[in-house]
Amino acid sequence: MTKTMARWLTDQLIADGVMTADRVTKHARPRRCHDCGLFTLTGLDDLLPKVVHVDPLPTTTAGEAFALLTGRRSFALDRDELYQRTAGRISFHHADDLPVYVEHECHSPPIPINTRFKPPPSRDKEGTPPF
């Protein structure tokens, strides 16, 4: 049995910009990409009122630079919310010092994974991803 949100509450959250019609909120959650089917972290961008899909594994400083050079944005995850890494944020904290995620692009070349940051172990035994 699935719980459904009251229609009036859904309409109000969408009108306030807290949630999209697809129930995407500021809190990044694992979802599958509609085009390629890979798992991504999906949430609302902190700078633009736009849904963002990022690759679920953090990258290195070199990976972030590669992604930026190819036109993909990078994001930090703080309290389950995605924050776009602007020039000031990038120069203050390098991707080797904190988990940095790059914008998902279907069928793109792989970005180096930062093995220093491990995803938390999965608590679910039903096959949901461990992030």
Protein backbone atom coordinates (compact mmCIF):
# COMPACT_ATOMS: atom_id res chain seq x y z
CA MET A 1 0.00 0.00 0.00
CA THR A 2 1.43 3.35 -1.01
CA LYS A 3 0.71 6.58 0.80
CA THR A 4 -0.54 9.45 -1.30
CA MET A 5 -0.31 13.11 -0.45
CA ALA A 6 -3.49 15.14 -0.23
CA ARG A 7 -4.17 16.89 -3.55
CA TRP A 8 -4.46 20.33 -1.94
CA LEU A 9 -1.06 19.87 -0.25
CA THR A 10 0.56 18.74 -3.50
CA ASP A 11 -0.88 21.76 -5.33
CA GLN A 12 0.35 24.13 -2.61
CA LEU A 13 3.89 22.68 -2.56
CA ILE A 14 4.09 22.95 -6.35
CA ALA A 15 2.76 26.54 -6.26
CA ASP A 16 5.33 27.48 -3.58
CA GLY A 17 8.17 26.02 -5.67
CA VAL A 18 9.07 23.48 -2.98
CA MET A 19 8.24 20.52 -5.20
CA THR A 20 7.73 19.80 -8.91
CA ALA A 21 4.80 17.95 -10.43
CA ASP A 22 7.03 14.82 -10.50
CA ARG A 23 7.49 15.20 -6.71
CA VAL A 24 11.12 16.27 -6.97
CA THR A 25 12.17 18.36 -3.96
CA LYS A 26 15.33 20.08 -2.71
CA HIS A 27 16.32 16.80 -1.04
CA ALA A 28 18.22 14.74 -3.60
CA ARG A 29 16.88 11.23 -3.97
CA PRO A 30 17.92 8.29 -6.14
CA ARG A 31 15.91 7.97 -9.33
CA ARG A 32 16.45 6.35 -12.68
CA CYS A 33 17.25 8.49 -15.72
CA HIS A 34 14.24 8.55 -18.06
CA ASP A 35 16.47 8.22 -21.13
CA CYS A 36 19.27 5.75 -20.29
CA GLY A 37 17.89 4.03 -17.17
CA LEU A 38 20.98 4.61 -14.97
CA PHE A 39 20.56 5.64 -11.36
CA THR A 40 21.07 9.34 -10.63
CA LEU A 41 20.60 11.63 -7.66
CA THR A 42 17.74 13.99 -8.49
CA GLY A 43 16.86 17.23 -6.73
CA LEU A 44 16.16 20.90 -7.27
CA ASP A 45 19.07 23.23 -8.05
CA ASP A 46 19.81 25.79 -5.33
CA LEU A 47 20.48 28.62 -7.84
CA LEU A 48 17.89 27.96 -10.55
CA PRO A 49 14.36 26.59 -10.19
CA LYS A 50 15.30 23.54 -12.22
CA VAL A 51 15.45 19.78 -11.67
CA VAL A 52 19.02 18.47 -11.62
CA HIS A 53 20.23 14.91 -12.24
CA VAL A 54 23.77 14.10 -11.07
CA ASP A 55 25.85 10.95 -11.30
CA PRO A 56 25.59 9.16 -7.92
CA LEU A 57 29.32 8.66 -7.30
CA PRO A 58 31.57 11.57 -6.25
CA THR A 59 34.39 12.64 -8.56
CA THR A 60 37.94 13.91 -8.17
CA THR A 61 39.28 17.40 -8.85
CA ALA A 62 40.43 16.26 -12.29
CA GLY A 63 37.00 14.74 -12.95
CA GLU A 64 35.29 17.97 -11.96
CA ALA A 65 37.58 19.96 -14.29
CA PHE A 66 36.85 17.53 -17.15
CA ALA A 67 33.11 17.81 -16.54
CA LEU A 68 33.23 21.61 -16.45
CA LEU A 69 35.25 21.70 -19.69
CA THR A 70 32.62 19.53 -21.39
CA GLY A 71 29.78 21.81 -20.27
CA ARG A 72 28.51 19.79 -17.31
CA ARG A 73 27.95 21.50 -13.97
CA SER A 74 29.22 20.20 -10.65
CA PHE A 75 27.35 20.02 -7.36
CA ALA A 76 28.08 19.47 -3.68
CA LEU A 77 25.66 17.56 -1.49
CA ASP A 78 24.95 19.10 1.91
CA ARG A 79 22.19 17.70 4.15
CA ASP A 80 20.73 15.87 1.13
CA GLU A 81 20.49 19.10 -0.90
CA LEU A 82 22.38 19.79 -4.13
CA TYR A 83 24.37 23.02 -4.28
CA GLN A 84 25.88 24.13 -7.58
CA ARG A 85 29.62 24.66 -7.33
CA THR A 86 30.36 28.16 -8.53
CA ALA A 87 33.90 29.51 -9.02
CA GLY A 88 34.05 30.69 -5.41
CA ARG A 89 32.91 27.35 -4.04
CA ILE A 90 35.32 25.44 -6.27
CA SER A 91 38.33 27.52 -5.24
CA PHE A 92 37.43 27.26 -1.55
CA HIS A 93 36.86 23.47 -1.43
CA HIS A 94 38.50 21.11 -3.91
CA ALA A 95 36.71 17.96 -5.07
CA ASP A 96 39.35 15.89 -3.29
CA ASP A 97 38.29 17.42 0.05
CA LEU A 98 34.53 16.85 -0.12
CA PRO A 99 32.13 14.78 -2.21
CA VAL A 100 31.45 16.51 -5.54
CA TYR A 101 28.94 15.19 -8.06
CA VAL A 102 28.72 16.08 -11.74
CA GLU A 103 25.62 16.64 -13.81
CA HIS A 104 24.39 13.43 -15.43
CA GLU A 105 24.70 13.19 -19.19
CA CYS A 106 23.48 10.03 -20.90
CA HIS A 107 26.14 7.96 -22.68
CA SER A 108 28.95 10.35 -21.72
CA PRO A 109 32.52 9.18 -21.07
CA PRO A 110 33.09 8.03 -17.49
CA ILE A 111 34.29 10.60 -14.96
CA PRO A 112 36.97 9.51 -12.43
CA ILE A 113 35.42 8.32 -9.18
CA ASN A 114 36.76 9.63 -5.89
CA THR A 115 37.19 6.45 -3.84
CA ARG A 116 37.94 8.47 -0.71
CA PHE A 117 34.21 8.96 -0.19
CA LYS A 118 32.22 5.79 0.08
CA PRO A 119 28.43 5.72 -0.11
CA PRO A 120 26.69 4.61 3.09
CA PRO A 121 25.84 0.90 3.22
CA SER A 122 22.41 0.00 1.95
CA ARG A 123 19.83 -0.65 4.65
CA ASP A 124 17.30 -1.89 2.14
CA LYS A 125 17.27 -5.49 0.99
CA GLU A 126 14.77 -4.90 -1.83
CA GLY A 127 17.32 -3.79 -4.43
CA THR A 128 17.29 -0.02 -4.06
CA PRO A 129 20.66 1.60 -4.70
CA PRO A 130 23.00 2.11 -1.72
CA PHE A 131 23.03 5.93 -1.86
